[in-house]
């Protein structure tokens, strides 16, 4: 069985996702500042590391940083030590930026509103 994905951790509690129970679709909802973006980044990084393709619509550009290795900010490193996260290091994930207009990223072959499950399956296989 694959190692669980650590999604969140406090001093006393860990929240993990078992990869075999992960679904093809997900929804993360919450108020401002509740950790939605960090949760998405964590899931995407861990699925990518396991070879699972991830498609995320990133309208505001909050998730684009996944394409860059972390700078090992001292505050982040200290927090990782505090939570006893061993071997912490910032790593880049493989990212392809799709562009509906084909001007600043990978052009989409079809107009975006007409995409369906079959098209996305072809893109990932």
PDB file of N, CA and C in Angstrom:
ATOM      1  N   UNK A   1       0.838  -1.178   0.000  1.00  0.00           N
ATOM      2  CA  UNK A   1       0.000   0.000   0.000  1.00  0.00           C
ATOM      3  C   UNK A   1       0.886   1.246   0.000  1.00  0.00           C
ATOM      4  N   UNK A   2       0.479   2.241  -0.785  1.00  0.00           N
ATOM      5  CA  UNK A   2       1.247   3.483  -0.879  1.00  0.00           C
ATOM      6  C   UNK A   2       1.185   4.262   0.430  1.00  0.00           C
ATOM      7  N   UNK A   3       2.256   4.997   0.706  1.00  0.00           N
ATOM      8  CA  UNK A   3       2.294   5.819   1.915  1.00  0.00           C
ATOM      9  C   UNK A   3       1.174   6.850   1.874  1.00  0.00           C
ATOM     10  N   UNK A   4       0.581   7.150   3.027  1.00  0.00           N
ATOM     11  CA  UNK A   4      -0.458   8.183   3.065  1.00  0.00           C
ATOM     12  C   UNK A   4       0.117   9.553   2.716  1.00  0.00           C
ATOM     13  N   UNK A   5      -0.740  10.415   2.185  1.00  0.00           N
ATOM     14  CA  UNK A   5      -0.353  11.783   1.857  1.00  0.00           C
ATOM     15  C   UNK A   5      -0.673  12.651   3.060  1.00  0.00           C
ATOM     16  N   UNK A   6       0.356  13.264   3.632  1.00  0.00           N
ATOM     17  CA  UNK A   6       0.168  14.170   4.762  1.00  0.00           C
ATOM     18  C   UNK A   6      -0.408  15.474   4.226  1.00  0.00           C
ATOM     19  N   UNK A   7      -1.648  15.783   4.608  1.00  0.00           N
ATOM     20  CA  UNK A   7      -2.326  16.972   4.115  1.00  0.00           C
ATOM     21  C   UNK A   7      -2.184  18.134   5.088  1.00  0.00           C
ATOM     22  N   UNK A   8      -2.272  17.847   6.372  1.00  0.00           N
ATOM     23  CA  UNK A   8      -2.172  18.901   7.387  1.00  0.00           C
ATOM     24  C   UNK A   8      -1.616  18.301   8.668  1.00  0.00           C
ATOM     25  N   UNK A   9      -0.966  19.150   9.449  1.00  0.00           N
ATOM     26  CA  UNK A   9      -0.365  18.665  10.680  1.00  0.00           C
ATOM     27  C   UNK A   9      -0.305  19.789  11.695  1.00  0.00           C
ATOM     28  N   UNK A  10      -0.620  19.457  12.942  1.00  0.00           N
ATOM     29  CA  UNK A  10      -0.426  20.390  14.046  1.00  0.00           C
ATOM     30  C   UNK A  10       0.519  19.713  15.024  1.00  0.00           C
ATOM     31  N   UNK A  11       0.684  20.293  16.188  1.00  0.00           N
ATOM     32  CA  UNK A  11       1.576  19.695  17.176  1.00  0.00           C
ATOM     33  C   UNK A  11       1.122  18.299  17.582  1.00  0.00           C
ATOM     34  N   UNK A  12      -0.196  18.072  17.598  1.00  0.00           N
ATOM     35  CA  UNK A  12      -0.734  16.811  18.116  1.00  0.00           C
ATOM     36  C   UNK A  12      -1.447  15.945  17.088  1.00  0.00           C
ATOM     37  N   UNK A  13      -1.841  16.507  15.959  1.00  0.00           N
ATOM     38  CA  UNK A  13      -2.704  15.789  15.022  1.00  0.00           C
ATOM     39  C   UNK A  13      -2.133  15.815  13.612  1.00  0.00           C
ATOM     40  N   UNK A  14      -2.317  14.712  12.896  1.00  0.00           N
ATOM     41  CA  UNK A  14      -1.984  14.637  11.476  1.00  0.00           C
ATOM     42  C   UNK A  14      -3.242  14.271  10.706  1.00  0.00           C
ATOM     43  N   UNK A  15      -3.440  14.922   9.566  1.00  0.00           N
ATOM     44  CA  UNK A  15      -4.540  14.571   8.674  1.00  0.00           C
ATOM     45  C   UNK A  15      -3.901  14.045   7.401  1.00  0.00           C
ATOM     46  N   UNK A  16      -4.225  12.804   7.069  1.00  0.00           N
ATOM     47  CA  UNK A  16      -3.626  12.157   5.897  1.00  0.00           C
ATOM     48  C   UNK A  16      -4.712  11.664   4.951  1.00  0.00           C
ATOM     49  N   UNK A  17      -4.363  11.535   3.692  1.00  0.00           N
ATOM     50  CA  UNK A  17      -5.243  10.968   2.677  1.00  0.00           C
ATOM     51  C   UNK A  17      -4.598   9.684   2.187  1.00  0.00           C
ATOM     52  N   UNK A  18      -5.341   8.609   2.199  1.00  0.00           N
ATOM     53  CA  UNK A  18      -4.837   7.355   1.655  1.00  0.00           C
ATOM     54  C   UNK A  18      -4.980   7.402   0.138  1.00  0.00           C
ATOM     55  N   UNK A  19      -3.888   7.275  -0.617  1.00  0.00           N
ATOM     56  CA  UNK A  19      -3.961   7.404  -2.071  1.00  0.00           C
ATOM     57  C   UNK A  19      -4.985   6.477  -2.725  1.00  0.00           C
ATOM     58  N   UNK A  20      -5.154   5.276  -2.201  1.00  0.00           N
ATOM     59  CA  UNK A  20      -6.109   4.351  -2.828  1.00  0.00           C
ATOM     60  C   UNK A  20      -7.556   4.815  -2.652  1.00  0.00           C
ATOM     61  N   UNK A  21      -7.780   5.749  -1.725  1.00  0.00           N
ATOM     62  CA  UNK A  21      -9.124   6.272  -1.519  1.00  0.00           C
ATOM     63  C   UNK A  21      -9.333   7.621  -2.201  1.00  0.00           C
ATOM     64  N   UNK A  22      -8.317   8.114  -2.892  1.00  0.00           N
ATOM     65  CA  UNK A  22      -8.446   9.391  -3.597  1.00  0.00           C
ATOM     66  C   UNK A  22      -9.393   9.221  -4.779  1.00  0.00           C
ATOM     67  N   UNK A  23     -10.135  10.249  -5.062  1.00  0.00           N
ATOM     68  CA  UNK A  23     -11.132  10.241  -6.115  1.00  0.00           C
ATOM     69  C   UNK A  23     -10.604  11.008  -7.318  1.00  0.00           C
ATOM     70  N   UNK A  24     -11.252  10.888  -8.448  1.00  0.00           N
ATOM     71  CA  UNK A  24     -10.844  11.634  -9.638  1.00  0.00           C
ATOM     72  C   UNK A  24     -11.158  13.119  -9.523  1.00  0.00           C
ATOM     73  N   UNK A  25     -12.114  13.476  -8.690  1.00  0.00           N
ATOM     74  CA  UNK A  25     -12.537  14.864  -8.552  1.00  0.00           C
ATOM     75  C   UNK A  25     -12.503  15.260  -7.089  1.00  0.00           C
ATOM     76  N   UNK A  26     -12.294  16.534  -6.849  1.00  0.00           N
ATOM     77  CA  UNK A  26     -12.284  16.994  -5.463  1.00  0.00           C
ATOM     78  C   UNK A  26     -12.737  18.431  -5.372  1.00  0.00           C
ATOM     79  N   UNK A  27     -13.193  18.786  -4.209  1.00  0.00           N
ATOM     80  CA  UNK A  27     -13.607  20.158  -3.937  1.00  0.00           C
ATOM     81  C   UNK A  27     -13.041  20.546  -2.588  1.00  0.00           C
ATOM     82  N   UNK A  28     -12.372  21.684  -2.558  1.00  0.00           N
ATOM     83  CA  UNK A  28     -11.868  22.223  -1.302  1.00  0.00           C
ATOM     84  C   UNK A  28     -12.503  23.593  -1.150  1.00  0.00           C
ATOM     85  N   UNK A  29     -13.270  23.760  -0.093  1.00  0.00           N
ATOM     86  CA  UNK A  29     -13.984  25.014   0.134  1.00  0.00           C
ATOM     87  C   UNK A  29     -13.668  25.538   1.523  1.00  0.00           C
ATOM     88  N   UNK A  30     -13.682  26.839   1.688  1.00  0.00           N
ATOM     89  CA  UNK A  30     -13.449  27.442   2.988  1.00  0.00           C
ATOM     90  C   UNK A  30     -13.335  28.941   2.872  1.00  0.00           C
ATOM     91  N   UNK A  31     -13.336  29.587   3.996  1.00  0.00           N
ATOM     92  CA  UNK A  31     -13.222  31.040   4.042  1.00  0.00           C
ATOM     93  C   UNK A  31     -11.788  31.475   3.719  1.00  0.00           C
ATOM     94  N   UNK A  32     -11.610  32.752   3.516  1.00  0.00           N
ATOM     95  CA  UNK A  32     -10.289  33.325   3.254  1.00  0.00           C
ATOM     96  C   UNK A  32      -9.325  32.991   4.386  1.00  0.00           C
ATOM     97  N   UNK A  33      -8.134  32.516   4.002  1.00  0.00           N
ATOM     98  CA  UNK A  33      -7.095  32.261   5.000  1.00  0.00           C
ATOM     99  C   UNK A  33      -7.195  30.933   5.713  1.00  0.00           C
ATOM    100  N   UNK A  34      -8.017  30.012   5.196  1.00  0.00           N
ATOM    101  CA  UNK A  34      -8.176  28.721   5.875  1.00  0.00           C
ATOM    102  C   UNK A  34      -7.265  27.632   5.341  1.00  0.00           C
ATOM    103  N   UNK A  35      -6.449  27.927   4.319  1.00  0.00           N
ATOM    104  CA  UNK A  35      -5.478  26.953   3.836  1.00  0.00           C
ATOM    105  C   UNK A  35      -5.888  26.190   2.595  1.00  0.00           C
ATOM    106  N   UNK A  36      -6.851  26.693   1.838  1.00  0.00           N
ATOM    107  CA  UNK A  36      -7.300  25.994   0.631  1.00  0.00           C
ATOM    108  C   UNK A  36      -6.171  25.843  -0.392  1.00  0.00           C
ATOM    109  N   UNK A  37      -5.461  26.934  -0.664  1.00  0.00           N
ATOM    110  CA  UNK A  37      -4.396  26.907  -1.666  1.00  0.00           C
ATOM    111  C   UNK A  37      -3.265  25.990  -1.232  1.00  0.00           C
ATOM    112  N   UNK A  38      -2.866  26.069   0.018  1.00  0.00           N
ATOM    113  CA  UNK A  38      -1.792  25.211   0.524  1.00  0.00           C
ATOM    114  C   UNK A  38      -2.214  23.736   0.457  1.00  0.00           C
ATOM    115  N   UNK A  39      -3.470  23.457   0.759  1.00  0.00           N
ATOM    116  CA  UNK A  39      -3.971  22.083   0.673  1.00  0.00           C
ATOM    117  C   UNK A  39      -3.908  21.582  -0.761  1.00  0.00           C
ATOM    118  N   UNK A  40      -4.339  22.406  -1.725  1.00  0.00           N
ATOM    119  CA  UNK A  40      -4.264  22.020  -3.141  1.00  0.00           C
ATOM    120  C   UNK A  40      -2.825  21.780  -3.571  1.00  0.00           C
ATOM    121  N   UNK A  41      -1.923  22.666  -3.151  1.00  0.00           N
ATOM    122  CA  UNK A  41      -0.512  22.502  -3.498  1.00  0.00           C
ATOM    123  C   UNK A  41       0.036  21.197  -2.929  1.00  0.00           C
ATOM    124  N   UNK A  42      -0.300  20.910  -1.686  1.00  0.00           N
ATOM    125  CA  UNK A  42       0.174  19.684  -1.037  1.00  0.00           C
ATOM    126  C   UNK A  42      -0.311  18.450  -1.774  1.00  0.00           C
ATOM    127  N   UNK A  43      -1.599  18.417  -2.100  1.00  0.00           N
ATOM    128  CA  UNK A  43      -2.152  17.265  -2.829  1.00  0.00           C
ATOM    129  C   UNK A  43      -1.516  17.137  -4.207  1.00  0.00           C
ATOM    130  N   UNK A  44      -1.415  18.254  -4.937  1.00  0.00           N
ATOM    131  CA  UNK A  44      -0.834  18.213  -6.282  1.00  0.00           C
ATOM    132  C   UNK A  44       0.619  17.744  -6.249  1.00  0.00           C
ATOM    133  N   UNK A  45       1.412  18.269  -5.319  1.00  0.00           N
ATOM    134  CA  UNK A  45       2.819  17.863  -5.201  1.00  0.00           C
ATOM    135  C   UNK A  45       2.937  16.371  -4.914  1.00  0.00           C
ATOM    136  N   UNK A  46       2.118  15.874  -4.001  1.00  0.00           N
ATOM    137  CA  UNK A  46       2.208  14.467  -3.619  1.00  0.00           C
ATOM    138  C   UNK A  46       1.709  13.533  -4.711  1.00  0.00           C
ATOM    139  N   UNK A  47       0.634  13.900  -5.397  1.00  0.00           N
ATOM    140  CA  UNK A  47       0.179  13.060  -6.513  1.00  0.00           C
ATOM    141  C   UNK A  47       1.197  13.084  -7.646  1.00  0.00           C
ATOM    142  N   UNK A  48       1.765  14.244  -7.930  1.00  0.00           N
ATOM    143  CA  UNK A  48       2.780  14.352  -8.972  1.00  0.00           C
ATOM    144  C   UNK A  48       3.987  13.481  -8.645  1.00  0.00           C
ATOM    145  N   UNK A  49       4.415  13.508  -7.391  1.00  0.00           N
ATOM    146  CA  UNK A  49       5.562  12.685  -6.975  1.00  0.00           C
ATOM    147  C   UNK A  49       5.279  11.195  -7.140  1.00  0.00           C
ATOM    148  N   UNK A  50       4.005  10.819  -7.126  1.00  0.00           N
ATOM    149  CA  UNK A  50       3.611   9.415  -7.303  1.00  0.00           C
ATOM    150  C   UNK A  50       3.315   9.079  -8.767  1.00  0.00           C
ATOM    151  N   UNK A  51       3.520  10.064  -9.665  1.00  0.00           N
ATOM    152  CA  UNK A  51       3.302   9.824 -11.089  1.00  0.00           C
ATOM    153  C   UNK A  51       1.865   9.986 -11.541  1.00  0.00           C
ATOM    154  N   UNK A  52       1.026  10.589 -10.715  1.00  0.00           N
ATOM    155  CA  UNK A  52      -0.381  10.781 -11.061  1.00  0.00           C
ATOM    156  C   UNK A  52      -0.543  12.168 -11.683  1.00  0.00           C
ATOM    157  N   UNK A  53      -1.057  12.252 -12.920  1.00  0.00           N
ATOM    158  CA  UNK A  53      -1.263  13.563 -13.531  1.00  0.00           C
ATOM    159  C   UNK A  53      -2.324  14.352 -12.767  1.00  0.00           C
ATOM    160  N   UNK A  54      -2.117  15.643 -12.644  1.00  0.00           N
ATOM    161  CA  UNK A  54      -3.041  16.516 -11.920  1.00  0.00           C
ATOM    162  C   UNK A  54      -3.430  17.669 -12.838  1.00  0.00           C
ATOM    163  N   UNK A  55      -4.725  17.916 -12.964  1.00  0.00           N
ATOM    164  CA  UNK A  55      -5.216  19.067 -13.722  1.00  0.00           C
ATOM    165  C   UNK A  55      -5.913  19.996 -12.747  1.00  0.00           C
ATOM    166  N   UNK A  56      -5.443  21.238 -12.678  1.00  0.00           N
ATOM    167  CA  UNK A  56      -6.062  22.216 -11.787  1.00  0.00           C
ATOM    168  C   UNK A  56      -6.296  23.505 -12.554  1.00  0.00           C
ATOM    169  N   UNK A  57      -7.507  24.039 -12.429  1.00  0.00           N
ATOM    170  CA  UNK A  57      -7.797  25.355 -12.990  1.00  0.00           C
ATOM    171  C   UNK A  57      -7.313  26.384 -11.980  1.00  0.00           C
ATOM    172  N   UNK A  58      -6.423  27.246 -12.408  1.00  0.00           N
ATOM    173  CA  UNK A  58      -5.799  28.222 -11.513  1.00  0.00           C
ATOM    174  C   UNK A  58      -6.054  29.623 -12.054  1.00  0.00           C
ATOM    175  N   UNK A  59      -7.259  30.114 -11.845  1.00  0.00           N
ATOM    176  CA  UNK A  59      -7.674  31.376 -12.424  1.00  0.00           C
ATOM    177  C   UNK A  59      -6.846  32.539 -11.904  1.00  0.00           C
ATOM    178  N   UNK A  60      -6.540  32.557 -10.616  1.00  0.00           N
ATOM    179  CA  UNK A  60      -5.808  33.685 -10.021  1.00  0.00           C
ATOM    180  C   UNK A  60      -4.284  33.524 -10.070  1.00  0.00           C
ATOM    181  N   UNK A  61      -3.785  32.358 -10.442  1.00  0.00           N
ATOM    182  CA  UNK A  61      -2.341  32.150 -10.507  1.00  0.00           C
ATOM    183  C   UNK A  61      -1.708  31.793  -9.177  1.00  0.00           C
ATOM    184  N   UNK A  62      -2.525  31.422  -8.194  1.00  0.00           N
ATOM    185  CA  UNK A  62      -2.000  31.087  -6.868  1.00  0.00           C
ATOM    186  C   UNK A  62      -1.172  29.808  -6.860  1.00  0.00           C
ATOM    187  N   UNK A  63      -1.436  28.907  -7.795  1.00  0.00           N
ATOM    188  CA  UNK A  63      -0.775  27.599  -7.770  1.00  0.00           C
ATOM    189  C   UNK A  63       0.415  27.516  -8.716  1.00  0.00           C
ATOM    190  N   UNK A  64       0.666  28.564  -9.473  1.00  0.00           N
ATOM    191  CA  UNK A  64       1.741  28.546 -10.465  1.00  0.00           C
ATOM    192  C   UNK A  64       3.109  28.330  -9.832  1.00  0.00           C
ATOM    193  N   UNK A  65       3.254  28.662  -8.559  1.00  0.00           N
ATOM    194  CA  UNK A  65       4.528  28.486  -7.869  1.00  0.00           C
ATOM    195  C   UNK A  65       4.982  27.048  -7.768  1.00  0.00           C
ATOM    196  N   UNK A  66       4.087  26.088  -8.029  1.00  0.00           N
ATOM    197  CA  UNK A  66       4.479  24.679  -8.010  1.00  0.00           C
ATOM    198  C   UNK A  66       5.582  24.387  -9.025  1.00  0.00           C
ATOM    199  N   UNK A  67       5.688  25.241 -10.041  1.00  0.00           N
ATOM    200  CA  UNK A  67       6.689  25.011 -11.089  1.00  0.00           C
ATOM    201  C   UNK A  67       8.099  25.410 -10.652  1.00  0.00           C
ATOM    202  N   UNK A  68       8.217  26.049  -9.498  1.00  0.00           N
ATOM    203  CA  UNK A  68       9.515  26.531  -9.022  1.00  0.00           C
ATOM    204  C   UNK A  68       9.907  25.825  -7.729  1.00  0.00           C
ATOM    205  N   UNK A  69      11.176  25.555  -7.587  1.00  0.00           N
ATOM    206  CA  UNK A  69      11.660  24.968  -6.334  1.00  0.00           C
ATOM    207  C   UNK A  69      11.538  26.001  -5.221  1.00  0.00           C
ATOM    208  N   UNK A  70      11.164  25.548  -4.050  1.00  0.00           N
ATOM    209  CA  UNK A  70      11.044  26.449  -2.909  1.00  0.00           C
ATOM    210  C   UNK A  70      12.396  27.013  -2.524  1.00  0.00           C
ATOM    211  N   UNK A  71      12.401  28.224  -1.997  1.00  0.00           N
ATOM    212  CA  UNK A  71      13.646  28.874  -1.636  1.00  0.00           C
ATOM    213  C   UNK A  71      14.129  28.527  -0.248  1.00  0.00           C
ATOM    214  N   UNK A  72      13.460  27.569   0.404  1.00  0.00           N
ATOM    215  CA  UNK A  72      13.815  27.180   1.766  1.00  0.00           C
ATOM    216  C   UNK A  72      13.868  28.396   2.686  1.00  0.00           C
ATOM    217  N   UNK A  73      12.799  29.152   2.685  1.00  0.00           N
ATOM    218  CA  UNK A  73      12.618  30.302   3.560  1.00  0.00           C
ATOM    219  C   UNK A  73      12.850  29.871   5.003  1.00  0.00           C
ATOM    220  N   UNK A  74      13.621  30.616   5.779  1.00  0.00           N
ATOM    221  CA  UNK A  74      13.923  30.221   7.167  1.00  0.00           C
ATOM    222  C   UNK A  74      12.667  29.969   8.012  1.00  0.00           C
ATOM    223  N   UNK A  75      11.600  30.757   7.798  1.00  0.00           N
ATOM    224  CA  UNK A  75      10.362  30.544   8.560  1.00  0.00           C
ATOM    225  C   UNK A  75       9.738  29.199   8.222  1.00  0.00           C
ATOM    226  N   UNK A  76       9.793  28.820   6.948  1.00  0.00           N
ATOM    227  CA  UNK A  76       9.231  27.533   6.518  1.00  0.00           C
ATOM    228  C   UNK A  76      10.070  26.389   7.072  1.00  0.00           C
ATOM    229  N   UNK A  77      11.375  26.528   7.000  1.00  0.00           N
ATOM    230  CA  UNK A  77      12.268  25.486   7.519  1.00  0.00           C
ATOM    231  C   UNK A  77      12.068  25.315   9.026  1.00  0.00           C
ATOM    232  N   UNK A  78      11.954  26.427   9.745  1.00  0.00           N
ATOM    233  CA  UNK A  78      11.710  26.353  11.193  1.00  0.00           C
ATOM    234  C   UNK A  78      10.377  25.675  11.496  1.00  0.00           C
ATOM    235  N   UNK A  79       9.349  26.001  10.715  1.00  0.00           N
ATOM    236  CA  UNK A  79       8.031  25.376  10.937  1.00  0.00           C
ATOM    237  C   UNK A  79       8.090  23.878  10.657  1.00  0.00           C
ATOM    238  N   UNK A  80       8.808  23.476   9.637  1.00  0.00           N
ATOM    239  CA  UNK A  80       8.955  22.049   9.331  1.00  0.00           C
ATOM    240  C   UNK A  80       9.660  21.326  10.480  1.00  0.00           C
ATOM    241  N   UNK A  81      10.684  21.954  11.045  1.00  0.00           N
ATOM    242  CA  UNK A  81      11.380  21.356  12.192  1.00  0.00           C
ATOM    243  C   UNK A  81      10.447  21.263  13.390  1.00  0.00           C
ATOM    244  N   UNK A  82       9.672  22.309  13.630  1.00  0.00           N
ATOM    245  CA  UNK A  82       8.732  22.341  14.748  1.00  0.00           C
ATOM    246  C   UNK A  82       7.708  21.212  14.645  1.00  0.00           C
ATOM    247  N   UNK A  83       7.280  20.907  13.413  1.00  0.00           N
ATOM    248  CA  UNK A  83       6.296  19.835  13.189  1.00  0.00           C
ATOM    249  C   UNK A  83       6.965  18.481  12.974  1.00  0.00           C
ATOM    250  N   UNK A  84       8.276  18.431  13.143  1.00  0.00           N
ATOM    251  CA  UNK A  84       9.051  17.192  12.995  1.00  0.00           C
ATOM    252  C   UNK A  84       8.888  16.565  11.598  1.00  0.00           C
ATOM    253  N   UNK A  85       8.940  17.419  10.579  1.00  0.00           N
ATOM    254  CA  UNK A  85       8.902  16.948   9.194  1.00  0.00           C
ATOM    255  C   UNK A  85      10.346  16.763   8.758  1.00  0.00           C
ATOM    256  N   UNK A  86      10.752  15.511   8.606  1.00  0.00           N
ATOM    257  CA  UNK A  86      12.144  15.196   8.275  1.00  0.00           C
ATOM    258  C   UNK A  86      12.428  15.432   6.793  1.00  0.00           C
ATOM    259  N   UNK A  87      13.661  15.738   6.491  1.00  0.00           N
ATOM    260  CA  UNK A  87      14.146  15.870   5.116  1.00  0.00           C
ATOM    261  C   UNK A  87      13.352  16.876   4.296  1.00  0.00           C
ATOM    262  N   UNK A  88      12.939  17.975   4.906  1.00  0.00           N
ATOM    263  CA  UNK A  88      12.187  18.988   4.165  1.00  0.00           C
ATOM    264  C   UNK A  88      13.101  19.688   3.169  1.00  0.00           C
ATOM    265  N   UNK A  89      12.612  19.820   1.936  1.00  0.00           N
ATOM    266  CA  UNK A  89      13.304  20.633   0.935  1.00  0.00           C
ATOM    267  C   UNK A  89      12.280  21.037  -0.119  1.00  0.00           C
ATOM    268  N   UNK A  90      12.445  22.256  -0.602  1.00  0.00           N
ATOM    269  CA  UNK A  90      11.542  22.737  -1.645  1.00  0.00           C
ATOM    270  C   UNK A  90      11.926  22.142  -2.983  1.00  0.00           C
ATOM    271  N   UNK A  91      10.962  21.571  -3.682  1.00  0.00           N
ATOM    272  CA  UNK A  91      11.216  20.963  -4.990  1.00  0.00           C
ATOM    273  C   UNK A  91      10.202  21.477  -5.999  1.00  0.00           C
ATOM    274  N   UNK A  92      10.621  21.590  -7.241  1.00  0.00           N
ATOM    275  CA  UNK A  92       9.717  21.978  -8.319  1.00  0.00           C
ATOM    276  C   UNK A  92       8.943  20.761  -8.810  1.00  0.00           C
ATOM    277  N   UNK A  93       7.744  20.995  -9.295  1.00  0.00           N
ATOM    278  CA  UNK A  93       6.919  19.938  -9.894  1.00  0.00           C
ATOM    279  C   UNK A  93       6.814  20.206 -11.396  1.00  0.00           C
ATOM    280  N   UNK A  94       6.652  19.145 -12.189  1.00  0.00           N
ATOM    281  CA  UNK A  94       6.470  19.372 -13.630  1.00  0.00           C
ATOM    282  C   UNK A  94       5.129  20.068 -13.869  1.00  0.00           C
ATOM    283  N   UNK A  95       5.146  21.154 -14.601  1.00  0.00           N
ATOM    284  CA  UNK A  95       3.944  21.956 -14.828  1.00  0.00           C
ATOM    285  C   UNK A  95       3.847  22.322 -16.299  1.00  0.00           C
ATOM    286  N   UNK A  96       2.649  22.254 -16.847  1.00  0.00           N
ATOM    287  CA  UNK A  96       2.362  22.755 -18.190  1.00  0.00           C
ATOM    288  C   UNK A  96       1.239  23.768 -18.035  1.00  0.00           C
ATOM    289  N   UNK A  97       1.494  24.986 -18.457  1.00  0.00           N
ATOM    290  CA  UNK A  97       0.467  26.018 -18.404  1.00  0.00           C
ATOM    291  C   UNK A  97      -0.315  25.997 -19.711  1.00  0.00           C
ATOM    292  N   UNK A  98      -1.606  25.681 -19.623  1.00  0.00           N
ATOM    293  CA  UNK A  98      -2.461  25.653 -20.801  1.00  0.00           C
ATOM    294  C   UNK A  98      -3.066  27.030 -20.994  1.00  0.00           C
ATOM    295  N   UNK A  99      -3.166  27.442 -22.240  1.00  0.00           N
ATOM    296  CA  UNK A  99      -3.676  28.759 -22.568  1.00  0.00           C
ATOM    297  C   UNK A  99      -4.778  28.621 -23.604  1.00  0.00           C
ATOM    298  N   UNK A 100      -5.968  29.050 -23.227  1.00  0.00           N
ATOM    299  CA  UNK A 100      -7.117  28.949 -24.132  1.00  0.00           C
ATOM    300  C   UNK A 100      -6.840  29.691 -25.435  1.00  0.00           C
ATOM    301  N   UNK A 101      -6.116  30.797 -25.364  1.00  0.00           N
ATOM    302  CA  UNK A 101      -5.848  31.600 -26.549  1.00  0.00           C
ATOM    303  C   UNK A 101      -4.533  31.211 -27.237  1.00  0.00           C
ATOM    304  N   UNK A 102      -3.736  30.356 -26.620  1.00  0.00           N
ATOM    305  CA  UNK A 102      -2.489  29.900 -27.212  1.00  0.00           C
ATOM    306  C   UNK A 102      -1.434  30.977 -27.326  1.00  0.00           C
ATOM    307  N   UNK A 103      -1.483  32.001 -26.474  1.00  0.00           N
ATOM    308  CA  UNK A 103      -0.541  33.111 -26.573  1.00  0.00           C
ATOM    309  C   UNK A 103       0.603  33.033 -25.567  1.00  0.00           C
ATOM    310  N   UNK A 104       0.339  32.541 -24.351  1.00  0.00           N
ATOM    311  CA  UNK A 104       1.368  32.536 -23.317  1.00  0.00           C
ATOM    312  C   UNK A 104       1.589  31.160 -22.695  1.00  0.00           C
ATOM    313  N   UNK A 105       1.051  30.143 -23.289  1.00  0.00           N
ATOM    314  CA  UNK A 105       1.203  28.799 -22.746  1.00  0.00           C
ATOM    315  C   UNK A 105       0.874  27.766 -23.803  1.00  0.00           C
ATOM    316  N   UNK A 106       0.735  26.536 -23.370  1.00  0.00           N
ATOM    317  CA  UNK A 106       0.408  25.438 -24.278  1.00  0.00           C
ATOM    318  C   UNK A 106      -0.984  25.677 -24.858  1.00  0.00           C
ATOM    319  N   UNK A 107      -1.109  25.766 -26.174  1.00  0.00           N
ATOM    320  CA  UNK A 107      -2.425  26.042 -26.745  1.00  0.00           C
ATOM    321  C   UNK A 107      -3.372  24.850 -26.592  1.00  0.00           C
ATOM    322  N   UNK A 108      -4.613  25.147 -26.335  1.00  0.00           N
ATOM    323  CA  UNK A 108      -5.641  24.111 -26.242  1.00  0.00           C
ATOM    324  C   UNK A 108      -6.106  23.785 -27.654  1.00  0.00           C
ATOM    325  N   UNK A 109      -6.336  22.509 -27.923  1.00  0.00           N
ATOM    326  CA  UNK A 109      -6.718  22.073 -29.258  1.00  0.00           C
ATOM    327  C   UNK A 109      -8.168  22.395 -29.580  1.00  0.00           C
ATOM    328  N   UNK A 110      -9.013  22.505 -28.548  1.00  0.00           N
ATOM    329  CA  UNK A 110     -10.427  22.794 -28.738  1.00  0.00           C
ATOM    330  C   UNK A 110     -10.793  24.024 -27.921  1.00  0.00           C
ATOM    331  N   UNK A 111     -11.874  24.699 -28.300  1.00  0.00           N
ATOM    332  CA  UNK A 111     -12.362  25.767 -27.426  1.00  0.00           C
ATOM    333  C   UNK A 111     -12.708  25.189 -26.053  1.00  0.00           C
ATOM    334  N   UNK A 112     -12.259  25.846 -25.014  1.00  0.00           N
ATOM    335  CA  UNK A 112     -12.386  25.309 -23.659  1.00  0.00           C
ATOM    336  C   UNK A 112     -13.804  24.892 -23.270  1.00  0.00           C
ATOM    337  N   UNK A 113     -14.853  25.667 -23.589  1.00  0.00           N
ATOM    338  CA  UNK A 113     -16.190  25.263 -23.134  1.00  0.00           C
ATOM    339  C   UNK A 113     -16.665  23.929 -23.709  1.00  0.00           C
ATOM    340  N   UNK A 114     -16.065  23.444 -24.792  1.00  0.00           N
ATOM    341  CA  UNK A 114     -16.523  22.215 -25.422  1.00  0.00           C
ATOM    342  C   UNK A 114     -15.778  20.977 -24.916  1.00  0.00           C
ATOM    343  N   UNK A 115     -14.873  21.152 -23.969  1.00  0.00           N
ATOM    344  CA  UNK A 115     -14.121  20.008 -23.472  1.00  0.00           C
ATOM    345  C   UNK A 115     -15.034  19.062 -22.733  1.00  0.00           C
ATOM    346  N   UNK A 116     -14.702  17.819 -22.805  1.00  0.00           N
ATOM    347  CA  UNK A 116     -15.463  16.820 -22.054  1.00  0.00           C
ATOM    348  C   UNK A 116     -14.472  15.813 -21.474  1.00  0.00           C
ATOM    349  N   UNK A 117     -14.995  14.830 -20.804  1.00  0.00           N
ATOM    350  CA  UNK A 117     -14.138  13.849 -20.137  1.00  0.00           C
ATOM    351  C   UNK A 117     -13.221  13.133 -21.127  1.00  0.00           C
ATOM    352  N   UNK A 118     -13.715  12.814 -22.292  1.00  0.00           N
ATOM    353  CA  UNK A 118     -12.896  12.097 -23.277  1.00  0.00           C
ATOM    354  C   UNK A 118     -11.674  12.923 -23.684  1.00  0.00           C
ATOM    355  N   UNK A 119     -11.879  14.202 -23.867  1.00  0.00           N
ATOM    356  CA  UNK A 119     -10.760  15.064 -24.265  1.00  0.00           C
ATOM    357  C   UNK A 119      -9.698  15.116 -23.172  1.00  0.00           C
ATOM    358  N   UNK A 120     -10.121  15.269 -21.935  1.00  0.00           N
ATOM    359  CA  UNK A 120      -9.151  15.326 -20.840  1.00  0.00           C
ATOM    360  C   UNK A 120      -8.434  13.985 -20.684  1.00  0.00           C
ATOM    361  N   UNK A 121      -9.151  12.869 -20.889  1.00  0.00           N
ATOM    362  CA  UNK A 121      -8.519  11.554 -20.808  1.00  0.00           C
ATOM    363  C   UNK A 121      -7.433  11.428 -21.873  1.00  0.00           C
ATOM    364  N   UNK A 122      -7.680  11.923 -23.076  1.00  0.00           N
ATOM    365  CA  UNK A 122      -6.689  11.864 -24.150  1.00  0.00           C
ATOM    366  C   UNK A 122      -5.463  12.694 -23.779  1.00  0.00           C
ATOM    367  N   UNK A 123      -5.683  13.845 -23.165  1.00  0.00           N
ATOM    368  CA  UNK A 123      -4.569  14.715 -22.802  1.00  0.00           C
ATOM    369  C   UNK A 123      -3.644  14.078 -21.773  1.00  0.00           C
ATOM    370  N   UNK A 124      -4.195  13.280 -20.876  1.00  0.00           N
ATOM    371  CA  UNK A 124      -3.389  12.704 -19.805  1.00  0.00           C
ATOM    372  C   UNK A 124      -2.882  11.301 -20.130  1.00  0.00           C
ATOM    373  N   UNK A 125      -3.315  10.714 -21.186  1.00  0.00           N
ATOM    374  CA  UNK A 125      -2.860   9.350 -21.526  1.00  0.00           C
ATOM    375  C   UNK A 125      -2.008   9.338 -22.760  1.00  0.00           C
TER     376      UNK A 125
END
